[in-house]
């Protein structure tokens, strides 16, 4: 009987201690925007910080997007879906919702200067 109470008390203390932990790191991971996650996984290899390691004048910076007529969600989604030149198409790898999400993320980052 004494062992039962010891186990029960230990379990209760562990549960109470768990409530006092800072779970914010886990919460932040769950709240990370889908577009940012997709960008890091599929795009950042060539477009780190909005740049372009393959074609320097085809960056994701706002001025370059404006110059190339790519400063809207439709145009960005089209390029992500179908690719162009050296850029791969992602319509076979991403859902339409994921494409829209990453396009929105890229446009938002461009408007904020990729900070």
C-alpha atoms as a PDB file:
ATOM      1  CA  UNK A   1       0.000   0.000   0.000  1.00  0.00           C
ATOM      2  CA  UNK A   2       2.851   2.345   0.809  1.00  0.00           C
ATOM      3  CA  UNK A   3       4.372   1.715  -2.622  1.00  0.00           C
ATOM      4  CA  UNK A   4       1.059   2.595  -4.282  1.00  0.00           C
ATOM      5  CA  UNK A   5       0.943   5.966  -2.501  1.00  0.00           C
ATOM      6  CA  UNK A   6       4.578   6.672  -3.428  1.00  0.00           C
ATOM      7  CA  UNK A   7       3.894   5.983  -7.099  1.00  0.00           C
ATOM      8  CA  UNK A   8       0.711   8.059  -7.033  1.00  0.00           C
ATOM      9  CA  UNK A   9       2.485  10.970  -5.357  1.00  0.00           C
ATOM     10  CA  UNK A  10       5.393  10.787  -7.832  1.00  0.00           C
ATOM     11  CA  UNK A  11       3.025  10.728 -10.786  1.00  0.00           C
ATOM     12  CA  UNK A  12       1.061  13.681  -9.406  1.00  0.00           C
ATOM     13  CA  UNK A  13       4.257  15.711  -8.894  1.00  0.00           C
ATOM     14  CA  UNK A  14       5.430  14.981 -12.440  1.00  0.00           C
ATOM     15  CA  UNK A  15       2.074  16.107 -13.843  1.00  0.00           C
ATOM     16  CA  UNK A  16       2.049  19.306 -11.784  1.00  0.00           C
ATOM     17  CA  UNK A  17       5.663  20.077 -12.739  1.00  0.00           C
ATOM     18  CA  UNK A  18       4.762  19.672 -16.411  1.00  0.00           C
ATOM     19  CA  UNK A  19       2.174  22.432 -16.135  1.00  0.00           C
ATOM     20  CA  UNK A  20       4.876  24.864 -15.070  1.00  0.00           C
ATOM     21  CA  UNK A  21       7.115  24.230 -18.071  1.00  0.00           C
ATOM     22  CA  UNK A  22       7.534  26.791 -20.823  1.00  0.00           C
ATOM     23  CA  UNK A  23       5.856  25.190 -23.828  1.00  0.00           C
ATOM     24  CA  UNK A  24       6.308  28.287 -26.017  1.00  0.00           C
ATOM     25  CA  UNK A  25       8.979  26.686 -28.227  1.00  0.00           C
ATOM     26  CA  UNK A  26       6.564  23.930 -29.189  1.00  0.00           C
ATOM     27  CA  UNK A  27       3.774  26.434 -29.733  1.00  0.00           C
ATOM     28  CA  UNK A  28       5.957  28.557 -32.018  1.00  0.00           C
ATOM     29  CA  UNK A  29       6.852  25.539 -34.154  1.00  0.00           C
ATOM     30  CA  UNK A  30       3.149  24.814 -34.655  1.00  0.00           C
ATOM     31  CA  UNK A  31       2.421  28.445 -35.537  1.00  0.00           C
ATOM     32  CA  UNK A  32       5.151  28.799 -38.165  1.00  0.00           C
ATOM     33  CA  UNK A  33       3.480  29.914 -41.385  1.00  0.00           C
ATOM     34  CA  UNK A  34       3.089  27.249 -44.037  1.00  0.00           C
ATOM     35  CA  UNK A  35       4.471  29.528 -46.755  1.00  0.00           C
ATOM     36  CA  UNK A  36       7.696  30.080 -44.818  1.00  0.00           C
ATOM     37  CA  UNK A  37       8.121  26.349 -44.246  1.00  0.00           C
ATOM     38  CA  UNK A  38       7.573  25.564 -47.920  1.00  0.00           C
ATOM     39  CA  UNK A  39       9.962  28.339 -48.960  1.00  0.00           C
ATOM     40  CA  UNK A  40      12.701  27.006 -46.674  1.00  0.00           C
ATOM     41  CA  UNK A  41      12.217  23.471 -47.965  1.00  0.00           C
ATOM     42  CA  UNK A  42      11.839  24.082 -51.699  1.00  0.00           C
ATOM     43  CA  UNK A  43      13.031  27.602 -52.566  1.00  0.00           C
ATOM     44  CA  UNK A  44      15.711  28.865 -50.192  1.00  0.00           C
ATOM     45  CA  UNK A  45      18.427  26.767 -51.833  1.00  0.00           C
ATOM     46  CA  UNK A  46      18.399  29.122 -54.830  1.00  0.00           C
ATOM     47  CA  UNK A  47      16.537  32.121 -53.400  1.00  0.00           C
ATOM     48  CA  UNK A  48      18.122  32.606 -49.987  1.00  0.00           C
ATOM     49  CA  UNK A  49      17.044  35.953 -48.493  1.00  0.00           C
ATOM     50  CA  UNK A  50      15.148  36.709 -51.706  1.00  0.00           C
ATOM     51  CA  UNK A  51      18.221  36.495 -53.904  1.00  0.00           C
ATOM     52  CA  UNK A  52      18.916  34.178 -56.819  1.00  0.00           C
ATOM     53  CA  UNK A  53      22.120  32.167 -57.032  1.00  0.00           C
ATOM     54  CA  UNK A  54      21.443  31.088 -60.629  1.00  0.00           C
ATOM     55  CA  UNK A  55      20.364  34.360 -62.315  1.00  0.00           C
ATOM     56  CA  UNK A  56      21.308  37.454 -60.356  1.00  0.00           C
ATOM     57  CA  UNK A  57      18.778  39.799 -61.961  1.00  0.00           C
ATOM     58  CA  UNK A  58      15.837  37.426 -61.331  1.00  0.00           C
ATOM     59  CA  UNK A  59      15.648  37.899 -57.567  1.00  0.00           C
ATOM     60  CA  UNK A  60      12.610  37.969 -55.340  1.00  0.00           C
ATOM     61  CA  UNK A  61      13.323  41.544 -54.234  1.00  0.00           C
ATOM     62  CA  UNK A  62      10.421  43.923 -54.771  1.00  0.00           C
ATOM     63  CA  UNK A  63      12.126  46.040 -57.459  1.00  0.00           C
ATOM     64  CA  UNK A  64      13.046  42.937 -59.471  1.00  0.00           C
ATOM     65  CA  UNK A  65       9.533  41.513 -59.113  1.00  0.00           C
ATOM     66  CA  UNK A  66       8.077  44.815 -60.317  1.00  0.00           C
ATOM     67  CA  UNK A  67      10.543  45.070 -63.201  1.00  0.00           C
ATOM     68  CA  UNK A  68       9.706  41.531 -64.338  1.00  0.00           C
ATOM     69  CA  UNK A  69       5.930  41.831 -63.853  1.00  0.00           C
ATOM     70  CA  UNK A  70       5.965  39.327 -61.007  1.00  0.00           C
ATOM     71  CA  UNK A  71       4.721  41.546 -58.187  1.00  0.00           C
ATOM     72  CA  UNK A  72       1.338  39.871 -57.699  1.00  0.00           C
ATOM     73  CA  UNK A  73       0.128  36.530 -56.369  1.00  0.00           C
ATOM     74  CA  UNK A  74      -1.125  35.292 -59.730  1.00  0.00           C
ATOM     75  CA  UNK A  75       2.217  35.799 -61.477  1.00  0.00           C
ATOM     76  CA  UNK A  76       4.243  34.293 -58.632  1.00  0.00           C
ATOM     77  CA  UNK A  77       1.890  31.297 -58.369  1.00  0.00           C
ATOM     78  CA  UNK A  78       2.184  30.741 -62.128  1.00  0.00           C
ATOM     79  CA  UNK A  79       5.990  30.608 -61.960  1.00  0.00           C
ATOM     80  CA  UNK A  80       5.952  28.354 -58.892  1.00  0.00           C
ATOM     81  CA  UNK A  81       3.468  26.007 -60.585  1.00  0.00           C
ATOM     82  CA  UNK A  82       4.935  25.837 -64.085  1.00  0.00           C
ATOM     83  CA  UNK A  83       8.521  26.978 -63.690  1.00  0.00           C
ATOM     84  CA  UNK A  84      10.361  29.052 -66.258  1.00  0.00           C
ATOM     85  CA  UNK A  85      13.850  28.815 -67.696  1.00  0.00           C
ATOM     86  CA  UNK A  86      16.119  27.328 -65.038  1.00  0.00           C
ATOM     87  CA  UNK A  87      13.356  27.318 -62.429  1.00  0.00           C
ATOM     88  CA  UNK A  88      11.691  23.972 -61.803  1.00  0.00           C
ATOM     89  CA  UNK A  89       7.922  23.536 -61.842  1.00  0.00           C
ATOM     90  CA  UNK A  90       6.359  22.593 -58.520  1.00  0.00           C
ATOM     91  CA  UNK A  91       2.785  21.752 -59.536  1.00  0.00           C
ATOM     92  CA  UNK A  92       3.593  18.038 -59.194  1.00  0.00           C
ATOM     93  CA  UNK A  93       5.131  18.480 -55.726  1.00  0.00           C
ATOM     94  CA  UNK A  94       2.921  21.095 -54.071  1.00  0.00           C
ATOM     95  CA  UNK A  95      -0.830  21.416 -53.726  1.00  0.00           C
ATOM     96  CA  UNK A  96      -2.582  24.520 -55.031  1.00  0.00           C
ATOM     97  CA  UNK A  97      -3.018  25.714 -51.437  1.00  0.00           C
ATOM     98  CA  UNK A  98       0.706  25.272 -50.771  1.00  0.00           C
ATOM     99  CA  UNK A  99       1.581  27.159 -53.956  1.00  0.00           C
ATOM    100  CA  UNK A 100      -0.721  30.018 -52.946  1.00  0.00           C
ATOM    101  CA  UNK A 101       0.757  30.022 -49.457  1.00  0.00           C
ATOM    102  CA  UNK A 102       4.368  30.191 -50.624  1.00  0.00           C
ATOM    103  CA  UNK A 103       3.488  32.852 -53.215  1.00  0.00           C
ATOM    104  CA  UNK A 104       1.861  34.979 -50.507  1.00  0.00           C
ATOM    105  CA  UNK A 105       4.900  34.484 -48.283  1.00  0.00           C
ATOM    106  CA  UNK A 106       7.299  35.557 -51.052  1.00  0.00           C
ATOM    107  CA  UNK A 107       5.286  38.668 -51.893  1.00  0.00           C
ATOM    108  CA  UNK A 108       5.004  39.602 -48.215  1.00  0.00           C
ATOM    109  CA  UNK A 109       8.750  39.147 -47.715  1.00  0.00           C
ATOM    110  CA  UNK A 110       9.522  41.202 -50.819  1.00  0.00           C
ATOM    111  CA  UNK A 111       7.334  44.029 -49.536  1.00  0.00           C
ATOM    112  CA  UNK A 112       9.199  43.892 -46.200  1.00  0.00           C
ATOM    113  CA  UNK A 113      12.636  43.827 -47.803  1.00  0.00           C
ATOM    114  CA  UNK A 114      13.282  40.167 -46.890  1.00  0.00           C
ATOM    115  CA  UNK A 115      13.993  41.034 -43.253  1.00  0.00           C
END
